C-alpha atoms as a PDB file:
ATOM      1  CA  MET A   1      26.846  -7.875  17.079  1.00  0.00           C
ATOM      2  CA  ASN A   2      27.350  -5.121  19.662  1.00  0.00           C
ATOM      3  CA  ASP A   3      24.626  -3.007  18.027  1.00  0.00           C
ATOM      4  CA  VAL A   4      22.014  -5.782  18.222  1.00  0.00           C
ATOM      5  CA  HIS A   5      19.344  -4.948  20.772  1.00  0.00           C
ATOM      6  CA  ILE A   6      16.300  -7.032  21.676  1.00  0.00           C
ATOM      7  CA  PRO A   7      13.752  -4.831  23.481  1.00  0.00           C
ATOM      8  CA  THR A   8      12.892  -5.688  27.051  1.00  0.00           C
ATOM      9  CA  GLY A   9      11.263  -3.999  30.019  1.00  0.00           C
ATOM     10  CA  PRO A  10       8.762  -1.189  29.301  1.00  0.00           C
ATOM     11  CA  ALA A  11      10.283  -0.756  25.822  1.00  0.00           C
ATOM     12  CA  LEU A  12       8.956  -4.166  24.771  1.00  0.00           C
ATOM     13  CA  ARG A  13       5.756  -3.922  22.738  1.00  0.00           C
ATOM     14  CA  THR A  14       4.521  -7.016  20.966  1.00  0.00           C
ATOM     15  CA  ARG A  15       1.229  -8.291  19.602  1.00  0.00           C
ATOM     16  CA  PHE A  16      -0.920 -11.239  18.605  1.00  0.00           C
ATOM     17  CA  ALA A  17      -2.655 -10.773  15.253  1.00  0.00           C
ATOM     18  CA  PRO A  18      -4.910 -13.662  14.181  1.00  0.00           C
ATOM     19  CA  SER A  19      -7.029 -13.684  11.050  1.00  0.00           C
ATOM     20  CA  PRO A  20     -10.641 -14.617  11.874  1.00  0.00           C
ATOM     21  CA  THR A  21     -10.976 -17.200   9.112  1.00  0.00           C
ATOM     22  CA  GLY A  22     -11.987 -19.915  11.557  1.00  0.00           C
ATOM     23  CA  LEU A  23     -11.843 -20.834  15.221  1.00  0.00           C
ATOM     24  CA  LEU A  24      -8.573 -20.542  17.111  1.00  0.00           C
ATOM     25  CA  HIS A  25      -6.699 -23.798  17.809  1.00  0.00           C
ATOM     26  CA  LEU A  26      -3.687 -24.809  19.897  1.00  0.00           C
ATOM     27  CA  GLY A  27      -1.265 -23.357  17.378  1.00  0.00           C
ATOM     28  CA  HIS A  28      -2.864 -19.958  17.844  1.00  0.00           C
ATOM     29  CA  ALA A  29      -2.728 -20.377  21.612  1.00  0.00           C
ATOM     30  CA  CYS A  30       0.988 -21.151  21.359  1.00  0.00           C
ATOM     31  CA  SER A  31       1.633 -17.969  19.373  1.00  0.00           C
ATOM     32  CA  ALA A  32      -0.558 -15.766  21.558  1.00  0.00           C
ATOM     33  CA  LEU A  33       1.000 -17.091  24.758  1.00  0.00           C
ATOM     34  CA  ALA A  34       4.534 -16.650  23.378  1.00  0.00           C
ATOM     35  CA  GLY A  35       4.013 -12.923  22.971  1.00  0.00           C
ATOM     36  CA  TRP A  36       1.800 -12.395  26.008  1.00  0.00           C
ATOM     37  CA  SER A  37       4.070 -14.204  28.470  1.00  0.00           C
ATOM     38  CA  ARG A  38       7.129 -12.398  27.133  1.00  0.00           C
ATOM     39  CA  ALA A  39       5.498  -8.991  27.431  1.00  0.00           C
ATOM     40  CA  ARG A  40       4.017  -9.601  30.860  1.00  0.00           C
ATOM     41  CA  SER A  41       7.229 -11.055  32.338  1.00  0.00           C
ATOM     42  CA  ALA A  42       9.213  -8.057  31.044  1.00  0.00           C
ATOM     43  CA  GLY A  43       6.750  -5.404  32.130  1.00  0.00           C
ATOM     44  CA  GLY A  44       6.090  -4.505  28.507  1.00  0.00           C
ATOM     45  CA  ARG A  45       2.884  -4.146  26.520  1.00  0.00           C
ATOM     46  CA  PHE A  46       0.875  -6.768  24.653  1.00  0.00           C
ATOM     47  CA  LEU A  47      -1.559  -5.730  21.914  1.00  0.00           C
ATOM     48  CA  LEU A  48      -4.299  -7.595  20.059  1.00  0.00           C
ATOM     49  CA  ARG A  49      -5.094  -7.084  16.384  1.00  0.00           C
ATOM     50  CA  LEU A  50      -7.668  -8.808  14.176  1.00  0.00           C
ATOM     51  CA  GLU A  51      -6.399  -9.128  10.610  1.00  0.00           C
ATOM     52  CA  ASP A  52      -9.780  -9.360   8.877  1.00  0.00           C
ATOM     53  CA  ILE A  53      -8.850  -7.615   5.637  1.00  0.00           C
ATOM     54  CA  ASP A  54     -10.138 -10.468   3.417  1.00  0.00           C
ATOM     55  CA  PRO A  55     -13.953 -10.207   3.369  1.00  0.00           C
ATOM     56  CA  GLY A  56     -14.288 -13.485   1.512  1.00  0.00           C
ATOM     57  CA  ARG A  57     -12.673 -15.542   4.275  1.00  0.00           C
ATOM     58  CA  CYS A  58     -13.129 -13.591   7.515  1.00  0.00           C
ATOM     59  CA  ARG A  59     -16.318 -13.562   9.565  1.00  0.00           C
ATOM     60  CA  PRO A  60     -17.391 -11.381  12.510  1.00  0.00           C
ATOM     61  CA  GLU A  61     -18.491 -14.409  14.521  1.00  0.00           C
ATOM     62  CA  TRP A  62     -14.988 -15.872  14.318  1.00  0.00           C
ATOM     63  CA  ALA A  63     -13.525 -12.551  15.449  1.00  0.00           C
ATOM     64  CA  ASP A  64     -15.853 -12.569  18.461  1.00  0.00           C
ATOM     65  CA  ALA A  65     -14.972 -16.202  19.164  1.00  0.00           C
ATOM     66  CA  ALA A  66     -11.232 -15.396  19.074  1.00  0.00           C
ATOM     67  CA  ILE A  67     -11.635 -12.741  21.757  1.00  0.00           C
ATOM     68  CA  ARG A  68     -13.693 -15.116  23.923  1.00  0.00           C
ATOM     69  CA  ASP A  69     -11.097 -17.872  23.556  1.00  0.00           C
ATOM     70  CA  LEU A  70      -8.192 -15.596  24.465  1.00  0.00           C
ATOM     71  CA  ARG A  71      -9.998 -14.312  27.550  1.00  0.00           C
ATOM     72  CA  TRP A  72     -10.846 -17.870  28.552  1.00  0.00           C
ATOM     73  CA  LEU A  73      -7.139 -18.746  28.299  1.00  0.00           C
ATOM     74  CA  GLY A  74      -6.456 -15.940  30.772  1.00  0.00           C
ATOM     75  CA  LEU A  75      -4.844 -13.493  28.339  1.00  0.00           C
ATOM     76  CA  ASP A  76      -5.309  -9.746  28.582  1.00  0.00           C
ATOM     77  CA  TRP A  77      -4.097  -6.974  26.325  1.00  0.00           C
ATOM     78  CA  ASP A  78      -3.300  -3.298  26.462  1.00  0.00           C
ATOM     79  CA  GLY A  79      -5.589  -0.818  24.747  1.00  0.00           C
ATOM     80  CA  PRO A  80      -8.396  -1.459  22.272  1.00  0.00           C
ATOM     81  CA  VAL A  81      -8.390  -4.288  19.758  1.00  0.00           C
ATOM     82  CA  ARG A  82      -7.211  -3.096  16.336  1.00  0.00           C
ATOM     83  CA  VAL A  83      -9.641  -4.321  13.619  1.00  0.00           C
ATOM     84  CA  GLN A  84      -8.025  -3.926  10.217  1.00  0.00           C
ATOM     85  CA  SER A  85     -11.236  -3.748   8.175  1.00  0.00           C
ATOM     86  CA  ALA A  86     -12.053  -0.473   9.938  1.00  0.00           C
ATOM     87  CA  HIS A  87      -8.897   1.173   8.592  1.00  0.00           C
ATOM     88  CA  LEU A  88      -8.977   0.641   4.830  1.00  0.00           C
ATOM     89  CA  ALA A  89      -8.382   4.327   4.135  1.00  0.00           C
ATOM     90  CA  GLU A  90      -5.055   4.190   5.983  1.00  0.00           C
ATOM     91  CA  TYR A  91      -3.826   1.311   3.837  1.00  0.00           C
ATOM     92  CA  ARG A  92      -5.044   3.123   0.725  1.00  0.00           C
ATOM     93  CA  ARG A  93      -2.902   6.130   1.631  1.00  0.00           C
ATOM     94  CA  THR A  94       0.143   3.870   1.894  1.00  0.00           C
ATOM     95  CA  LEU A  95      -0.593   2.401  -1.535  1.00  0.00           C
ATOM     96  CA  ASP A  96      -1.050   5.913  -2.944  1.00  0.00           C
ATOM     97  CA  SER A  97       2.316   6.938  -1.512  1.00  0.00           C
ATOM     98  CA  LEU A  98       4.086   3.999  -3.133  1.00  0.00           C
ATOM     99  CA  GLY A  99       2.245   4.573  -6.391  1.00  0.00           C
ATOM    100  CA  ALA A 100       3.160   8.260  -6.502  1.00  0.00           C
ATOM    101  CA  ARG A 101       6.815   7.258  -6.324  1.00  0.00           C
ATOM    102  CA  GLY A 102       6.499   4.892  -9.266  1.00  0.00           C
ATOM    103  CA  LEU A 103       6.902   1.765  -7.129  1.00  0.00           C
ATOM    104  CA  LEU A 104       3.554   0.157  -8.009  1.00  0.00           C
ATOM    105  CA  TYR A 105       2.037  -0.891 -11.308  1.00  0.00           C
ATOM    106  CA  PRO A 106      -1.348  -2.364 -12.281  1.00  0.00           C
ATOM    107  CA  CYS A 107      -1.369  -6.054 -13.120  1.00  0.00           C
ATOM    108  CA  PHE A 108      -4.214  -7.458 -15.207  1.00  0.00           C
ATOM    109  CA  CYS A 109      -3.046 -11.086 -15.025  1.00  0.00           C
ATOM    110  CA  SER A 110      -5.196 -13.681 -13.296  1.00  0.00           C
ATOM    111  CA  ARG A 111      -3.695 -16.328 -11.033  1.00  0.00           C
ATOM    112  CA  ALA A 112      -4.146 -18.771 -13.910  1.00  0.00           C
ATOM    113  CA  ASP A 113      -2.215 -16.420 -16.199  1.00  0.00           C
ATOM    114  CA  VAL A 114       0.698 -16.354 -13.751  1.00  0.00           C
ATOM    115  CA  LEU A 115       0.771 -20.128 -13.502  1.00  0.00           C
ATOM    116  CA  ALA A 116       0.527 -20.492 -17.257  1.00  0.00           C
ATOM    117  CA  ALA A 117       3.443 -18.128 -17.857  1.00  0.00           C
ATOM    118  CA  GLY A 118       5.810 -21.087 -17.551  1.00  0.00           C
ATOM    119  CA  SER A 119       5.417 -24.832 -17.333  1.00  0.00           C
ATOM    120  CA  ALA A 120       7.341 -24.836 -14.048  1.00  0.00           C
ATOM    121  CA  PRO A 121       7.203 -21.290 -12.609  1.00  0.00           C
ATOM    122  CA  HIS A 122       9.765 -20.303 -10.048  1.00  0.00           C
ATOM    123  CA  ARG A 123       8.549 -19.972  -6.468  1.00  0.00           C
ATOM    124  CA  ALA A 124       8.903 -17.190  -3.929  1.00  0.00           C
ATOM    125  CA  PRO A 125      10.053 -18.060  -0.384  1.00  0.00           C
ATOM    126  CA  ASP A 126       6.409 -18.265   0.733  1.00  0.00           C
ATOM    127  CA  GLY A 127       5.633 -20.846  -1.968  1.00  0.00           C
ATOM    128  CA  ALA A 128       3.725 -18.508  -4.287  1.00  0.00           C
ATOM    129  CA  ALA A 129       4.419 -18.596  -8.005  1.00  0.00           C
ATOM    130  CA  LEU A 130       6.989 -15.963  -8.895  1.00  0.00           C
ATOM    131  CA  TYR A 131       5.438 -13.355 -11.176  1.00  0.00           C
ATOM    132  CA  PRO A 132       7.274 -13.074 -14.523  1.00  0.00           C
ATOM    133  CA  GLY A 133       6.704  -9.305 -14.837  1.00  0.00           C
ATOM    134  CA  THR A 134       4.267  -9.455 -17.740  1.00  0.00           C
ATOM    135  CA  CYS A 135       2.312  -6.277 -16.905  1.00  0.00           C
ATOM    136  CA  ARG A 136       5.404  -4.375 -15.764  1.00  0.00           C
ATOM    137  CA  ARG A 137       6.425  -4.386 -19.414  1.00  0.00           C
ATOM    138  CA  LEU A 138       3.047  -3.254 -20.799  1.00  0.00           C
ATOM    139  CA  ASP A 139       2.996  -0.377 -23.252  1.00  0.00           C
ATOM    140  CA  PRO A 140       1.999   2.749 -21.248  1.00  0.00           C
ATOM    141  CA  GLY A 141      -0.772   3.584 -23.704  1.00  0.00           C
ATOM    142  CA  LEU A 142      -2.278   0.119 -23.498  1.00  0.00           C
ATOM    143  CA  ARG A 143      -2.021   0.192 -19.705  1.00  0.00           C
ATOM    144  CA  ALA A 144      -3.836   3.524 -19.562  1.00  0.00           C
ATOM    145  CA  ALA A 145      -6.549   2.284 -21.911  1.00  0.00           C
ATOM    146  CA  ARG A 146      -7.182  -0.831 -19.836  1.00  0.00           C
ATOM    147  CA  LEU A 147      -7.373   1.226 -16.654  1.00  0.00           C
ATOM    148  CA  ALA A 148      -9.757   3.712 -18.313  1.00  0.00           C
ATOM    149  CA  ALA A 149     -11.955   0.797 -19.380  1.00  0.00           C
ATOM    150  CA  GLY A 150     -12.242  -0.273 -15.745  1.00  0.00           C
ATOM    151  CA  GLU A 151     -10.513  -3.613 -16.277  1.00  0.00           C
ATOM    152  CA  ALA A 152      -9.991  -5.525 -13.029  1.00  0.00           C
ATOM    153  CA  HIS A 153      -6.399  -5.435 -11.822  1.00  0.00           C
ATOM    154  CA  ALA A 154      -4.109  -5.926  -8.866  1.00  0.00           C
ATOM    155  CA  LEU A 155      -1.369  -3.572  -7.707  1.00  0.00           C
ATOM    156  CA  ARG A 156       2.126  -5.053  -7.725  1.00  0.00           C
ATOM    157  CA  LEU A 157       5.317  -3.736  -6.204  1.00  0.00           C
ATOM    158  CA  ASP A 158       8.076  -3.130  -8.736  1.00  0.00           C
ATOM    159  CA  MET A 159      10.614  -5.121  -6.774  1.00  0.00           C
ATOM    160  CA  ALA A 160      13.720  -4.048  -8.678  1.00  0.00           C
ATOM    161  CA  ALA A 161      12.833  -0.367  -8.320  1.00  0.00           C
ATOM    162  CA  ALA A 162      11.905  -0.807  -4.661  1.00  0.00           C
ATOM    163  CA  CYS A 163      15.189  -2.523  -3.842  1.00  0.00           C
ATOM    164  CA  ARG A 164      17.133   0.252  -5.530  1.00  0.00           C
ATOM    165  CA  VAL A 165      15.339   2.829  -3.380  1.00  0.00           C
ATOM    166  CA  ALA A 166      15.709   0.877  -0.129  1.00  0.00           C
ATOM    167  CA  GLY A 167      19.296  -0.302  -0.573  1.00  0.00           C
ATOM    168  CA  PRO A 168      20.763  -3.193   1.465  1.00  0.00           C
ATOM    169  CA  LEU A 169      18.582  -4.345   4.350  1.00  0.00           C
ATOM    170  CA  ASP A 170      18.959  -6.543   7.403  1.00  0.00           C
ATOM    171  CA  ARG A 171      16.808  -7.724  10.291  1.00  0.00           C
ATOM    172  CA  ILE A 172      17.417  -8.566  13.935  1.00  0.00           C
ATOM    173  CA  GLU A 173      16.260 -12.005  15.083  1.00  0.00           C
ATOM    174  CA  ASP A 174      16.191 -12.944  18.735  1.00  0.00           C
ATOM    175  CA  GLY A 175      18.944 -15.492  19.357  1.00  0.00           C
ATOM    176  CA  GLN A 176      20.541 -15.012  15.938  1.00  0.00           C
ATOM    177  CA  GLY A 177      21.505 -11.355  15.764  1.00  0.00           C
ATOM    178  CA  ARG A 178      21.607  -9.365  12.540  1.00  0.00           C
ATOM    179  CA  THR A 179      20.873 -11.127   9.244  1.00  0.00           C
ATOM    180  CA  ARG A 180      20.901  -9.836   5.662  1.00  0.00           C
ATOM    181  CA  CYS A 181      17.502  -9.597   3.956  1.00  0.00           C
ATOM    182  CA  HIS A 182      16.768 -10.640   0.363  1.00  0.00           C
ATOM    183  CA  PRO A 183      13.289  -9.337  -0.531  1.00  0.00           C
ATOM    184  CA  GLU A 184      14.062  -9.638  -4.240  1.00  0.00           C
ATOM    185  CA  ARG A 185      13.369 -13.370  -3.931  1.00  0.00           C
ATOM    186  CA  PHE A 186       9.642 -12.542  -3.697  1.00  0.00           C
ATOM    187  CA  GLY A 187       9.512 -10.867  -7.103  1.00  0.00           C
ATOM    188  CA  ASP A 188       6.813  -8.300  -7.861  1.00  0.00           C
ATOM    189  CA  VAL A 189       4.435  -9.095  -5.019  1.00  0.00           C
ATOM    190  CA  VAL A 190       0.758  -8.119  -5.016  1.00  0.00           C
ATOM    191  CA  LEU A 191      -0.021  -5.376  -2.486  1.00  0.00           C
ATOM    192  CA  ALA A 192      -3.721  -4.993  -3.326  1.00  0.00           C
ATOM    193  CA  ARG A 193      -6.448  -6.827  -5.232  1.00  0.00           C
ATOM    194  CA  LYS A 194     -10.043  -5.961  -6.075  1.00  0.00           C
ATOM    195  CA  GLU A 195     -11.343  -8.502  -3.551  1.00  0.00           C
ATOM    196  CA  VAL A 196      -8.664  -7.746  -0.931  1.00  0.00           C
ATOM    197  CA  PRO A 197      -7.982  -3.987  -0.858  1.00  0.00           C
ATOM    198  CA  ALA A 198      -4.589  -4.331   0.851  1.00  0.00           C
ATOM    199  CA  SER A 199      -2.330  -7.335   1.266  1.00  0.00           C
ATOM    200  CA  TYR A 200      -1.282  -8.973   4.508  1.00  0.00           C
ATOM    201  CA  HIS A 201       2.273  -7.766   3.965  1.00  0.00           C
ATOM    202  CA  LEU A 202       1.281  -4.122   3.637  1.00  0.00           C
ATOM    203  CA  CYS A 203      -1.236  -4.146   6.504  1.00  0.00           C
ATOM    204  CA  VAL A 204       0.988  -5.914   8.998  1.00  0.00           C
ATOM    205  CA  THR A 205       3.931  -3.583   8.476  1.00  0.00           C
ATOM    206  CA  HIS A 206       1.683  -0.517   8.570  1.00  0.00           C
ATOM    207  CA  ASP A 207      -0.027  -1.587  11.793  1.00  0.00           C
ATOM    208  CA  ASP A 208       3.158  -2.667  13.559  1.00  0.00           C
ATOM    209  CA  ALA A 209       4.648   0.750  12.846  1.00  0.00           C
ATOM    210  CA  LEU A 210       1.501   2.575  13.933  1.00  0.00           C
ATOM    211  CA  ALA A 211       1.364   0.617  17.210  1.00  0.00           C
ATOM    212  CA  GLY A 212       5.054   1.116  17.955  1.00  0.00           C
ATOM    213  CA  ILE A 213       5.726  -2.628  18.005  1.00  0.00           C
ATOM    214  CA  THR A 214       9.338  -3.206  19.016  1.00  0.00           C
ATOM    215  CA  LEU A 215       9.379  -7.028  18.986  1.00  0.00           C
ATOM    216  CA  VAL A 216       7.327  -9.100  16.547  1.00  0.00           C
ATOM    217  CA  THR A 217       6.583 -12.511  18.053  1.00  0.00           C
ATOM    218  CA  ARG A 218       5.099 -14.978  15.559  1.00  0.00           C
ATOM    219  CA  GLY A 219       5.486 -18.468  14.126  1.00  0.00           C
ATOM    220  CA  VAL A 220       8.562 -19.537  12.225  1.00  0.00           C
ATOM    221  CA  ASP A 221       6.386 -20.123   9.141  1.00  0.00           C
ATOM    222  CA  LEU A 222       6.337 -16.340   8.716  1.00  0.00           C
ATOM    223  CA  LEU A 223      10.109 -15.958   8.939  1.00  0.00           C
ATOM    224  CA  PRO A 224      10.636 -15.713   5.140  1.00  0.00           C
ATOM    225  CA  ALA A 225       8.097 -12.863   4.924  1.00  0.00           C
ATOM    226  CA  THR A 226      10.250 -10.768   7.247  1.00  0.00           C
ATOM    227  CA  ASP A 227      12.546  -9.824   4.350  1.00  0.00           C
ATOM    228  CA  LEU A 228       9.596  -8.382   2.451  1.00  0.00           C
ATOM    229  CA  HIS A 229       8.311  -6.590   5.546  1.00  0.00           C
ATOM    230  CA  ARG A 230      11.702  -4.997   6.087  1.00  0.00           C
ATOM    231  CA  LEU A 231      11.566  -3.676   2.524  1.00  0.00           C
ATOM    232  CA  LEU A 232       8.164  -2.059   3.060  1.00  0.00           C
ATOM    233  CA  GLN A 233       9.365  -0.560   6.337  1.00  0.00           C
ATOM    234  CA  ALA A 234      12.359   0.970   4.594  1.00  0.00           C
ATOM    235  CA  LEU A 235      10.277   2.328   1.695  1.00  0.00           C
ATOM    236  CA  MET A 236       7.785   3.974   4.059  1.00  0.00           C
ATOM    237  CA  GLY A 237      10.303   5.214   6.618  1.00  0.00           C
ATOM    238  CA  TRP A 238       8.786   3.016   9.324  1.00  0.00           C
ATOM    239  CA  PRO A 239      10.905   1.773  12.255  1.00  0.00           C
ATOM    240  CA  ALA A 240      12.268  -1.763  12.105  1.00  0.00           C
ATOM    241  CA  PRO A 241      11.269  -3.946  15.069  1.00  0.00           C
ATOM    242  CA  ALA A 242      13.247  -6.936  16.235  1.00  0.00           C
ATOM    243  CA  TYR A 243      11.778 -10.392  15.565  1.00  0.00           C
ATOM    244  CA  ALA A 244      11.283 -13.569  17.587  1.00  0.00           C
ATOM    245  CA  HIS A 245       9.924 -16.469  15.520  1.00  0.00           C
ATOM    246  CA  HIS A 246       8.821 -19.403  17.644  1.00  0.00           C
ATOM    247  CA  PRO A 247       8.568 -23.075  16.596  1.00  0.00           C
ATOM    248  CA  LEU A 248       5.186 -24.365  15.424  1.00  0.00           C
ATOM    249  CA  LEU A 249       3.077 -26.930  17.198  1.00  0.00           C
ATOM    250  CA  HIS A 250       2.591 -30.254  15.416  1.00  0.00           C
ATOM    251  CA  GLY A 251      -0.070 -32.918  15.752  1.00  0.00           C
ATOM    252  CA  PRO A 252       0.453 -36.652  16.361  1.00  0.00           C
ATOM    253  CA  ASP A 253       0.889 -37.156  12.598  1.00  0.00           C
ATOM    254  CA  GLY A 254       3.823 -34.742  12.568  1.00  0.00           C
ATOM    255  CA  ARG A 255       1.987 -32.103  10.555  1.00  0.00           C
ATOM    256  CA  ARG A 256       1.776 -28.571  11.889  1.00  0.00           C
ATOM    257  CA  LEU A 257      -1.555 -27.598  13.370  1.00  0.00           C
ATOM    258  CA  ALA A 258      -3.667 -25.669  10.872  1.00  0.00           C
ATOM    259  CA  LYS A 259      -7.311 -24.712  10.412  1.00  0.00           C
ATOM    260  CA  ARG A 260      -7.455 -26.271   6.962  1.00  0.00           C
ATOM    261  CA  ASP A 261      -6.395 -29.649   8.395  1.00  0.00           C
ATOM    262  CA  GLY A 262      -9.116 -29.640  11.041  1.00  0.00           C
ATOM    263  CA  ALA A 263      -6.967 -28.912  14.094  1.00  0.00           C
ATOM    264  CA  ALA A 264      -9.061 -29.112  17.271  1.00  0.00           C
ATOM    265  CA  SER A 265     -10.326 -25.659  18.185  1.00  0.00           C
ATOM    266  CA  LEU A 266      -9.938 -24.100  21.615  1.00  0.00           C
ATOM    267  CA  ALA A 267     -13.726 -24.021  21.819  1.00  0.00           C
ATOM    268  CA  ALA A 268     -13.827 -27.784  21.227  1.00  0.00           C
ATOM    269  CA  LEU A 269     -11.190 -28.397  23.903  1.00  0.00           C
ATOM    270  CA  ARG A 270     -13.187 -26.252  26.300  1.00  0.00           C
ATOM    271  CA  ALA A 271     -16.340 -28.227  25.467  1.00  0.00           C
ATOM    272  CA  GLN A 272     -14.458 -31.449  26.273  1.00  0.00           C
ATOM    273  CA  GLY A 273     -14.016 -30.183  29.830  1.00  0.00           C
ATOM    274  CA  LEU A 274     -10.373 -29.055  29.672  1.00  0.00           C
ATOM    275  CA  ASP A 275      -9.570 -26.033  31.793  1.00  0.00           C
ATOM    276  CA  PRO A 276      -7.367 -23.098  30.689  1.00  0.00           C
ATOM    277  CA  ARG A 277      -4.317 -24.355  32.593  1.00  0.00           C
ATOM    278  CA  GLU A 278      -4.421 -27.674  30.745  1.00  0.00           C
ATOM    279  CA  VAL A 279      -4.772 -25.992  27.370  1.00  0.00           C
ATOM    280  CA  ARG A 280      -1.972 -23.545  28.158  1.00  0.00           C
ATOM    281  CA  ALA A 281       0.268 -26.494  29.037  1.00  0.00           C
ATOM    282  CA  MET A 282      -0.673 -28.248  25.778  1.00  0.00           C
ATOM    283  CA  ALA A 283       0.287 -25.057  23.943  1.00  0.00           C
ATOM    284  CA  GLY A 284       3.683 -24.992  25.636  1.00  0.00           C
ATOM    285  CA  CYS A 285       3.004 -22.383  28.327  1.00  0.00           C
ATOM    286  CA  ARG A 286       2.509 -23.098  32.035  1.00  0.00           C
END
């Protein structure tokens, strides 16, 4: 435990990274304020990133609305806003690096194929169906022929090979210290699809490393993904930040606030006449 260090002071660099798939709600405010207040009280830096890598779900108007809402709450950030869709070539280079080392393989299976691979497929820590490795075992000639024919495919990480390269991994969690990571529980995760050129997992680890993030502040729902992110950091030689996962906000029904469940947006609360101080208090920050 003596080697566990949680950054503070000027060394603290954290971020808020929403996906503009809808309007921000109180849960987003809670997460943004958790990082912002920690950085500002420590004299560190707070960055803003828009994770708009999925063109089918993200919209520019929601990105603009997110920035307006954060400013209305009284948040500021250091440096320009990082917009992921403007940096696809950087993520492609990371994929090419992994592929050149034999750590990626093309997967031609649809989501339905994965689900149909077993009557009760195993689940990864994030709830996704665990891939059975069908295309990892494809005959090389058949694989090459399908690629040459232009057949649609995803790129999956060969988890067993990746874990052999990375070796044992751990992470540092604020308040808990050092904990062993088990990325193998995710199986051969998808790192790119035709419709989404780079996965959340790849983009977030790339951008945190590029920005020099030293403390990742985010909701506890993303805690399981940290093991996978540590693996990608190790494979790419990126530094490992410390982590601080905060509790989630829940509505009166006990369910966590989420866009898909119609959580009241910050814009709606503003339209009701609430001022930023009231909304900050509702989000758990005075």
